[in-house]
Amino acid sequence: MKSATTFLMFQGQAHEAIQQYKQWFTDLTVENLTYMENSQKVAMAVLNLKGLKIMMNDSIEKHDFTFTPATSIFVECETLAEIESLVALILEGGQVLMPLENYGFSKQFAWIEDRFGVSWQFTYN
């Protein structure tokens, strides 16, 4: 095996998601980004978020499925202000799966789905 990575398949929103993720996560870098010919649809992108490699694209086929909360990106925040800010930003157009609070296993934790359908778990200890 050469490698394993997270892969997110969008249905026409990958470019918009990349732009949004760059605003939310200042440490996010775009390592590679190619578009389908004569289009804003993403053929393939590779992002790096604090060492987590995330590949993504726009599917050329229409599918009857999308993202599921059962798979999420887990983010450990360094400060209380950071987790509060990220959760507030990502909730704009998204939805709460578990609101930001102390659940006993973490000082602060939230599980949210962004406006693209991608699930994120945030923790602060």
N, C-alpha and C. Protein backbone atom coordinates (compact mmCIF):
# COMPACT_ATOMS: atom_id res chain seq x y z
N MET A 1 0.85 -1.18 0.00
CA MET A 1 0.00 0.00 0.00
C MET A 1 0.89 1.23 0.00
N LYS A 2 0.60 2.15 -0.89
CA LYS A 2 1.37 3.38 -0.96
C LYS A 2 0.86 4.44 0.02
N SER A 3 -0.47 4.61 0.11
CA SER A 3 -1.02 5.61 1.03
C SER A 3 -2.51 5.39 1.22
N ALA A 4 -3.07 6.12 2.18
CA ALA A 4 -4.52 6.14 2.41
C ALA A 4 -4.88 7.57 2.80
N THR A 5 -6.02 8.03 2.33
CA THR A 5 -6.41 9.42 2.60
C THR A 5 -7.93 9.57 2.60
N THR A 6 -8.39 10.66 3.13
CA THR A 6 -9.80 11.02 3.10
C THR A 6 -10.14 11.53 1.69
N PHE A 7 -11.30 11.11 1.17
CA PHE A 7 -11.73 11.55 -0.15
C PHE A 7 -13.17 12.03 -0.06
N LEU A 8 -13.41 13.26 -0.50
CA LEU A 8 -14.75 13.85 -0.49
C LEU A 8 -15.22 14.05 -1.93
N MET A 9 -16.35 13.46 -2.26
CA MET A 9 -16.91 13.60 -3.61
C MET A 9 -18.11 14.54 -3.56
N PHE A 10 -17.98 15.64 -4.25
CA PHE A 10 -19.05 16.64 -4.33
C PHE A 10 -19.83 16.47 -5.63
N GLN A 11 -20.96 17.14 -5.70
CA GLN A 11 -21.79 17.12 -6.91
C GLN A 11 -21.89 18.55 -7.45
N GLY A 12 -20.73 19.12 -7.79
CA GLY A 12 -20.70 20.45 -8.38
C GLY A 12 -20.34 21.57 -7.42
N GLN A 13 -20.06 21.26 -6.15
CA GLN A 13 -19.77 22.31 -5.17
C GLN A 13 -18.33 22.27 -4.65
N ALA A 14 -17.48 21.47 -5.25
CA ALA A 14 -16.11 21.33 -4.72
C ALA A 14 -15.34 22.65 -4.75
N HIS A 15 -15.42 23.39 -5.84
CA HIS A 15 -14.71 24.67 -5.93
C HIS A 15 -15.17 25.61 -4.82
N GLU A 16 -16.48 25.72 -4.64
CA GLU A 16 -17.04 26.58 -3.60
C GLU A 16 -16.61 26.10 -2.21
N ALA A 17 -16.60 24.79 -2.01
CA ALA A 17 -16.18 24.24 -0.72
C ALA A 17 -14.71 24.56 -0.44
N ILE A 18 -13.86 24.43 -1.43
CA ILE A 18 -12.43 24.74 -1.24
C ILE A 18 -12.26 26.19 -0.83
N GLN A 19 -12.94 27.09 -1.52
CA GLN A 19 -12.84 28.51 -1.19
C GLN A 19 -13.32 28.78 0.24
N GLN A 20 -14.42 28.13 0.61
CA GLN A 20 -14.96 28.31 1.96
C GLN A 20 -14.02 27.73 3.00
N TYR A 21 -13.49 26.54 2.77
CA TYR A 21 -12.59 25.91 3.73
C TYR A 21 -11.31 26.73 3.92
N LYS A 22 -10.84 27.37 2.86
CA LYS A 22 -9.66 28.23 2.99
C LYS A 22 -9.95 29.42 3.90
N GLN A 23 -11.17 29.92 3.89
CA GLN A 23 -11.55 31.03 4.77
C GLN A 23 -11.68 30.55 6.22
N TRP A 24 -12.29 29.40 6.41
CA TRP A 24 -12.49 28.89 7.77
C TRP A 24 -11.19 28.47 8.44
N PHE A 25 -10.32 27.81 7.67
CA PHE A 25 -9.10 27.22 8.23
C PHE A 25 -7.88 27.90 7.61
N THR A 26 -7.29 28.83 8.33
CA THR A 26 -6.17 29.59 7.79
C THR A 26 -4.94 28.73 7.57
N ASP A 27 -4.85 27.58 8.23
CA ASP A 27 -3.73 26.66 8.06
C ASP A 27 -3.91 25.71 6.87
N LEU A 28 -5.07 25.74 6.24
CA LEU A 28 -5.34 24.84 5.12
C LEU A 28 -4.54 25.28 3.90
N THR A 29 -3.91 24.32 3.26
CA THR A 29 -3.20 24.61 2.01
C THR A 29 -3.77 23.75 0.89
N VAL A 30 -3.79 24.30 -0.30
CA VAL A 30 -4.20 23.56 -1.48
C VAL A 30 -2.92 23.08 -2.16
N GLU A 31 -2.71 21.78 -2.13
CA GLU A 31 -1.48 21.22 -2.70
C GLU A 31 -1.60 20.97 -4.19
N ASN A 32 -2.82 20.71 -4.64
CA ASN A 32 -3.05 20.45 -6.06
C ASN A 32 -4.51 20.74 -6.38
N LEU A 33 -4.74 21.36 -7.53
CA LEU A 33 -6.11 21.68 -7.92
C LEU A 33 -6.19 21.72 -9.44
N THR A 34 -6.98 20.82 -10.01
CA THR A 34 -7.20 20.82 -11.45
C THR A 34 -8.71 20.82 -11.71
N TYR A 35 -9.08 21.50 -12.77
CA TYR A 35 -10.48 21.63 -13.13
C TYR A 35 -10.78 20.83 -14.39
N MET A 36 -12.04 20.45 -14.52
CA MET A 36 -12.49 19.80 -15.75
C MET A 36 -12.43 20.84 -16.86
N GLU A 37 -12.17 20.40 -18.05
CA GLU A 37 -11.99 21.31 -19.18
C GLU A 37 -13.19 22.23 -19.36
N ASN A 38 -12.91 23.54 -19.52
CA ASN A 38 -13.93 24.57 -19.73
C ASN A 38 -15.00 24.57 -18.64
N SER A 39 -14.57 24.43 -17.38
CA SER A 39 -15.52 24.30 -16.29
C SER A 39 -14.93 24.77 -14.97
N GLN A 40 -15.79 25.09 -14.03
CA GLN A 40 -15.38 25.36 -12.65
C GLN A 40 -15.51 24.11 -11.79
N LYS A 41 -15.86 22.99 -12.42
CA LYS A 41 -15.96 21.74 -11.69
C LYS A 41 -14.56 21.19 -11.45
N VAL A 42 -14.36 20.70 -10.24
CA VAL A 42 -13.04 20.22 -9.82
C VAL A 42 -12.84 18.78 -10.29
N ALA A 43 -11.81 18.58 -11.11
CA ALA A 43 -11.44 17.22 -11.53
C ALA A 43 -10.75 16.50 -10.39
N MET A 44 -9.83 17.19 -9.70
CA MET A 44 -9.16 16.63 -8.53
C MET A 44 -8.51 17.75 -7.74
N ALA A 45 -8.63 17.68 -6.44
CA ALA A 45 -7.96 18.62 -5.55
C ALA A 45 -7.37 17.84 -4.39
N VAL A 46 -6.24 18.33 -3.91
CA VAL A 46 -5.61 17.77 -2.72
C VAL A 46 -5.38 18.93 -1.76
N LEU A 47 -6.01 18.83 -0.58
CA LEU A 47 -5.86 19.84 0.45
C LEU A 47 -5.07 19.25 1.61
N ASN A 48 -4.46 20.12 2.40
CA ASN A 48 -3.76 19.68 3.59
C ASN A 48 -4.23 20.55 4.74
N LEU A 49 -4.82 19.91 5.74
CA LEU A 49 -5.30 20.60 6.93
C LEU A 49 -4.56 20.03 8.13
N LYS A 50 -3.53 20.76 8.57
CA LYS A 50 -2.73 20.35 9.73
C LYS A 50 -2.22 18.91 9.59
N GLY A 51 -1.79 18.55 8.39
CA GLY A 51 -1.24 17.22 8.16
C GLY A 51 -2.26 16.21 7.64
N LEU A 52 -3.55 16.53 7.70
CA LEU A 52 -4.57 15.64 7.15
C LEU A 52 -4.72 15.94 5.67
N LYS A 53 -4.42 14.96 4.86
CA LYS A 53 -4.57 15.10 3.42
C LYS A 53 -6.02 14.78 3.06
N ILE A 54 -6.65 15.73 2.36
CA ILE A 54 -8.03 15.56 1.94
C ILE A 54 -8.08 15.70 0.42
N MET A 55 -8.50 14.63 -0.23
CA MET A 55 -8.70 14.69 -1.68
C MET A 55 -10.18 14.96 -1.93
N MET A 56 -10.47 15.68 -3.01
CA MET A 56 -11.87 15.93 -3.36
C MET A 56 -12.02 16.17 -4.84
N ASN A 57 -13.25 15.96 -5.30
CA ASN A 57 -13.58 16.26 -6.68
C ASN A 57 -15.08 16.48 -6.82
N ASP A 58 -15.47 16.86 -8.02
CA ASP A 58 -16.88 16.90 -8.40
C ASP A 58 -17.12 15.66 -9.26
N SER A 59 -18.09 14.86 -8.87
CA SER A 59 -18.40 13.66 -9.64
C SER A 59 -18.95 14.05 -11.01
N ILE A 60 -18.56 13.32 -12.01
CA ILE A 60 -19.11 13.57 -13.35
C ILE A 60 -20.45 12.84 -13.52
N GLU A 61 -20.74 11.94 -12.58
CA GLU A 61 -22.00 11.21 -12.58
C GLU A 61 -22.89 11.73 -11.47
N LYS A 62 -24.19 11.75 -11.69
CA LYS A 62 -25.15 12.11 -10.65
C LYS A 62 -25.41 10.86 -9.81
N HIS A 63 -25.29 11.03 -8.49
CA HIS A 63 -25.49 9.90 -7.58
C HIS A 63 -26.69 10.16 -6.69
N ASP A 64 -27.29 9.09 -6.20
CA ASP A 64 -28.42 9.19 -5.28
C ASP A 64 -27.97 9.26 -3.83
N PHE A 65 -26.68 9.41 -3.59
CA PHE A 65 -26.15 9.49 -2.23
C PHE A 65 -25.29 10.72 -2.09
N THR A 66 -25.03 11.07 -0.85
CA THR A 66 -24.19 12.21 -0.54
C THR A 66 -23.39 11.87 0.72
N PHE A 67 -22.91 12.86 1.42
CA PHE A 67 -22.13 12.62 2.63
C PHE A 67 -23.01 12.09 3.75
N THR A 68 -22.38 11.45 4.73
CA THR A 68 -23.08 10.94 5.89
C THR A 68 -22.38 11.42 7.16
N PRO A 69 -23.13 11.76 8.22
CA PRO A 69 -22.50 12.18 9.47
C PRO A 69 -21.69 11.06 10.13
N ALA A 70 -21.92 9.81 9.71
CA ALA A 70 -21.18 8.70 10.30
C ALA A 70 -19.68 8.80 10.01
N THR A 71 -19.32 9.57 9.00
CA THR A 71 -17.92 9.84 8.70
C THR A 71 -17.71 11.34 8.82
N SER A 72 -16.72 11.74 9.62
CA SER A 72 -16.52 13.16 9.85
C SER A 72 -15.04 13.48 9.94
N ILE A 73 -14.74 14.76 9.87
CA ILE A 73 -13.37 15.25 10.07
C ILE A 73 -13.28 15.73 11.50
N PHE A 74 -12.32 15.20 12.25
CA PHE A 74 -12.18 15.49 13.68
C PHE A 74 -11.07 16.52 13.86
N VAL A 75 -11.41 17.63 14.51
CA VAL A 75 -10.47 18.74 14.68
C VAL A 75 -10.27 19.02 16.17
N GLU A 76 -9.02 19.02 16.61
CA GLU A 76 -8.69 19.37 17.98
C GLU A 76 -8.27 20.84 18.01
N CYS A 77 -9.03 21.67 18.71
CA CYS A 77 -8.76 23.10 18.77
C CYS A 77 -7.81 23.42 19.91
N GLU A 78 -7.02 24.48 19.72
CA GLU A 78 -6.03 24.88 20.73
C GLU A 78 -6.60 25.79 21.81
N THR A 79 -7.66 26.55 21.48
CA THR A 79 -8.22 27.48 22.46
C THR A 79 -9.74 27.42 22.44
N LEU A 80 -10.34 27.89 23.51
CA LEU A 80 -11.79 27.99 23.58
C LEU A 80 -12.31 28.96 22.52
N ALA A 81 -11.61 30.06 22.33
CA ALA A 81 -12.01 31.04 21.31
C ALA A 81 -11.99 30.41 19.91
N GLU A 82 -11.01 29.56 19.65
CA GLU A 82 -10.91 28.92 18.33
C GLU A 82 -12.10 28.01 18.08
N ILE A 83 -12.45 27.16 19.04
CA ILE A 83 -13.58 26.24 18.81
C ILE A 83 -14.88 27.01 18.68
N GLU A 84 -15.06 28.04 19.49
CA GLU A 84 -16.29 28.84 19.40
C GLU A 84 -16.40 29.53 18.05
N SER A 85 -15.30 30.08 17.56
CA SER A 85 -15.30 30.76 16.27
C SER A 85 -15.56 29.80 15.11
N LEU A 86 -14.85 28.67 15.08
CA LEU A 86 -15.03 27.70 14.00
C LEU A 86 -16.45 27.15 13.96
N VAL A 87 -16.98 26.80 15.12
CA VAL A 87 -18.34 26.26 15.16
C VAL A 87 -19.34 27.30 14.66
N ALA A 88 -19.20 28.54 15.08
CA ALA A 88 -20.11 29.60 14.63
C ALA A 88 -20.02 29.81 13.11
N LEU A 89 -18.81 29.84 12.58
CA LEU A 89 -18.62 30.04 11.14
C LEU A 89 -19.22 28.90 10.32
N ILE A 90 -18.93 27.69 10.72
CA ILE A 90 -19.34 26.53 9.95
C ILE A 90 -20.84 26.28 10.06
N LEU A 91 -21.44 26.73 11.14
CA LEU A 91 -22.89 26.56 11.30
C LEU A 91 -23.69 27.48 10.38
N GLU A 92 -23.07 28.52 9.83
CA GLU A 92 -23.79 29.39 8.89
C GLU A 92 -24.16 28.56 7.66
N GLY A 93 -25.42 28.23 7.55
CA GLY A 93 -25.89 27.40 6.45
C GLY A 93 -25.79 25.91 6.73
N GLY A 94 -25.20 25.55 7.86
CA GLY A 94 -25.06 24.15 8.23
C GLY A 94 -26.08 23.75 9.27
N GLN A 95 -25.81 22.63 9.95
CA GLN A 95 -26.73 22.19 11.00
C GLN A 95 -25.98 21.54 12.14
N VAL A 96 -26.58 21.62 13.32
CA VAL A 96 -26.01 21.06 14.53
C VAL A 96 -26.38 19.59 14.64
N LEU A 97 -25.38 18.75 14.87
CA LEU A 97 -25.63 17.35 15.19
C LEU A 97 -25.51 17.15 16.70
N MET A 98 -24.52 17.81 17.32
CA MET A 98 -24.37 17.89 18.78
C MET A 98 -23.90 19.31 19.08
N PRO A 99 -24.66 20.09 19.84
CA PRO A 99 -24.28 21.49 20.08
C PRO A 99 -23.00 21.61 20.91
N LEU A 100 -22.35 22.75 20.80
CA LEU A 100 -21.12 23.02 21.53
C LEU A 100 -21.40 23.06 23.02
N GLU A 101 -20.82 22.10 23.73
CA GLU A 101 -20.94 22.08 25.19
C GLU A 101 -19.98 21.05 25.78
N ASN A 102 -20.00 20.94 27.09
CA ASN A 102 -19.17 19.98 27.81
C ASN A 102 -19.95 18.69 27.95
N TYR A 103 -19.46 17.62 27.33
CA TYR A 103 -20.13 16.33 27.40
C TYR A 103 -19.42 15.38 28.37
N GLY A 104 -18.41 15.88 29.08
CA GLY A 104 -17.69 15.06 30.02
C GLY A 104 -16.42 14.46 29.46
N PHE A 105 -16.41 14.14 28.18
CA PHE A 105 -15.21 13.59 27.54
C PHE A 105 -14.33 14.69 26.95
N SER A 106 -14.82 15.92 27.00
CA SER A 106 -14.10 17.06 26.45
C SER A 106 -14.63 18.32 27.12
N LYS A 107 -13.75 19.30 27.36
CA LYS A 107 -14.23 20.56 27.95
C LYS A 107 -15.30 21.19 27.07
N GLN A 108 -15.06 21.19 25.77
CA GLN A 108 -16.04 21.67 24.79
C GLN A 108 -15.97 20.77 23.57
N PHE A 109 -17.14 20.43 23.06
CA PHE A 109 -17.23 19.54 21.90
C PHE A 109 -18.45 19.94 21.08
N ALA A 110 -18.32 19.86 19.77
CA ALA A 110 -19.46 20.07 18.87
C ALA A 110 -19.31 19.17 17.66
N TRP A 111 -20.42 18.70 17.18
CA TRP A 111 -20.47 17.90 15.95
C TRP A 111 -21.44 18.61 15.04
N ILE A 112 -20.95 19.06 13.91
CA ILE A 112 -21.78 19.87 13.01
C ILE A 112 -21.60 19.43 11.57
N GLU A 113 -22.58 19.78 10.77
CA GLU A 113 -22.53 19.50 9.34
C GLU A 113 -22.47 20.84 8.62
N ASP A 114 -21.50 21.02 7.73
CA ASP A 114 -21.41 22.30 7.03
C ASP A 114 -22.45 22.38 5.91
N ARG A 115 -22.51 23.51 5.25
CA ARG A 115 -23.54 23.73 4.23
C ARG A 115 -23.37 22.85 3.00
N PHE A 116 -22.22 22.17 2.90
CA PHE A 116 -21.98 21.25 1.79
C PHE A 116 -22.34 19.81 2.16
N GLY A 117 -22.66 19.58 3.43
CA GLY A 117 -23.02 18.24 3.89
C GLY A 117 -21.89 17.48 4.55
N VAL A 118 -20.70 18.09 4.64
CA VAL A 118 -19.55 17.44 5.28
C VAL A 118 -19.67 17.61 6.79
N SER A 119 -19.44 16.52 7.53
CA SER A 119 -19.54 16.55 8.99
C SER A 119 -18.19 16.81 9.63
N TRP A 120 -18.21 17.62 10.69
CA TRP A 120 -17.02 18.01 11.42
C TRP A 120 -17.26 17.80 12.91
N GLN A 121 -16.27 17.23 13.58
CA GLN A 121 -16.31 17.14 15.04
C GLN A 121 -15.18 18.04 15.56
N PHE A 122 -15.54 18.90 16.50
CA PHE A 122 -14.57 19.82 17.09
C PHE A 122 -14.47 19.55 18.59
N THR A 123 -13.24 19.51 19.08
CA THR A 123 -13.03 19.31 20.51
C THR A 123 -12.02 20.30 21.04
N TYR A 124 -12.19 20.67 22.30
CA TYR A 124 -11.22 21.51 22.99
C TYR A 124 -11.04 20.98 24.41
N ASN A 125 -9.80 20.75 24.77
CA ASN A 125 -9.47 20.31 26.12
C ASN A 125 -8.48 21.26 26.68
